[in-house]
Amino acid sequence: MPDDATFMSRALALAALGRRTVSPNPMVGCVIVRDGEVVGEGWHRRAGEPHAEAVALRAAAQKARGAAAYISLEPCNHTGRTGPCTTALIDAGVTRVVAAVADPHPMAAGGADTLRAAGITVDTGVLGDQARRLNEVFFHGVQTQRPFVVAKVAASLDGRLAAADGTSQWLTGEAARRRVHELRAEVDAVLIGSGTVLADDPQLTCRLDEYRGPQPLRVVLDRRGRVTHEHRVNDAAAETVISHDSPADTLRTLWDRDVRSVLVEGGAAVLHAFLAAGLVDRLHVHVAPVLLGEQGRPLLAGPWTQTLSDAPRWNLENVERTGDDVLLSLSPEKPAADAFPQDH
């Protein structure tokens, strides 16, 4: 129904408002509609706080009785830090629930069946693809039990990370750097290698003027113990984890800390290790309009394929101009783990 898509689109827009604060929970929005009129709205702001359904039902009050609820994710069916949303919807007298997509989490799933058993009409699948994309980090985590990994790299037109003397600041312009800070605001952790710490001494914080959310956890892969307390990554601006493990082991440790998304910012050895292990779920390549030549530092450090037929392919999802640079957003066509030497 056309109205279903309209109201669900609003629910998805509300859900997205929790993008920078809701992890490790999914983003969820809810719109309560009675006689074609929106009588209540809400979204889940952060873990431990009321779910979207509870917020919207509170706003609708008595007008929720006999109304329809449009929810971007199937209502939860369990008691955690908050009560089941199914119970709240039943108690409020809602007569129809439209969910964009089923909840894949085994602990929370089953809400649709509970609602139907209570006599509520339940429809699912309205704007389902958009809902899955919005919560791709959550769906990925349920399926893989590891964080969603975004790798970011800035490169010249000829695929170089730095000039022959190692200089790389600033390869891309201010607009591209802002996009990186926007990414930092949306992930749970930012990860680099010790080589990047020694070369650039980055702070790895989100420094957008308007940002008021939590700083991402800073993670440094440092097998040789080269990072000291004098480096900015160890200042008081955010928490830092120094890992001596492989990428896969580091991700397992981060998962146990409720980290659901990681931004890998380099350098070449770390990027190569994550790509070779098939651990990159999205690749952001900022391409600068500059040529550095064969003496420049290559995009990847380590063995790669010997023939084109063995090279992993990537799906181009979006092209965005950022100032004078171009941002390519890509997802893997298939895992690269079988194509390259494994990280040990």
Foldseek 3Di string as FASTA:
>chain_A
DVLLLVQLVVFLVQQCVQLLAAAPDHRKKKFKDDPRDTQFIAIRNYPLDDHGLVRRCVSNPLVQAQIEMEMAEQWFDCDDSHHTSLVVSLVSNHQEYEYAYYDPAPRGGDSVVSNVVSNHHYHYNRPNVVSCVRGVLNVVCRVPVFAAEEEEAEAEPVAFQFALVRDPVDLDDPLVVLVVLVVQSRFQEEEEEVVCCVRPLDLQFRDDPPDDGATHEYEYAYLPPPDDCPGNVNDPNHHYDYDNDQPVVVRNVVSVVSGRYYYYYDDQANVQQCQQQLNHFKYKYKYGHDDRDPSGHHRHDDDADPDPVLHWDWAFDDWDDRDRIIITMTGTPDGNNVSHDHID
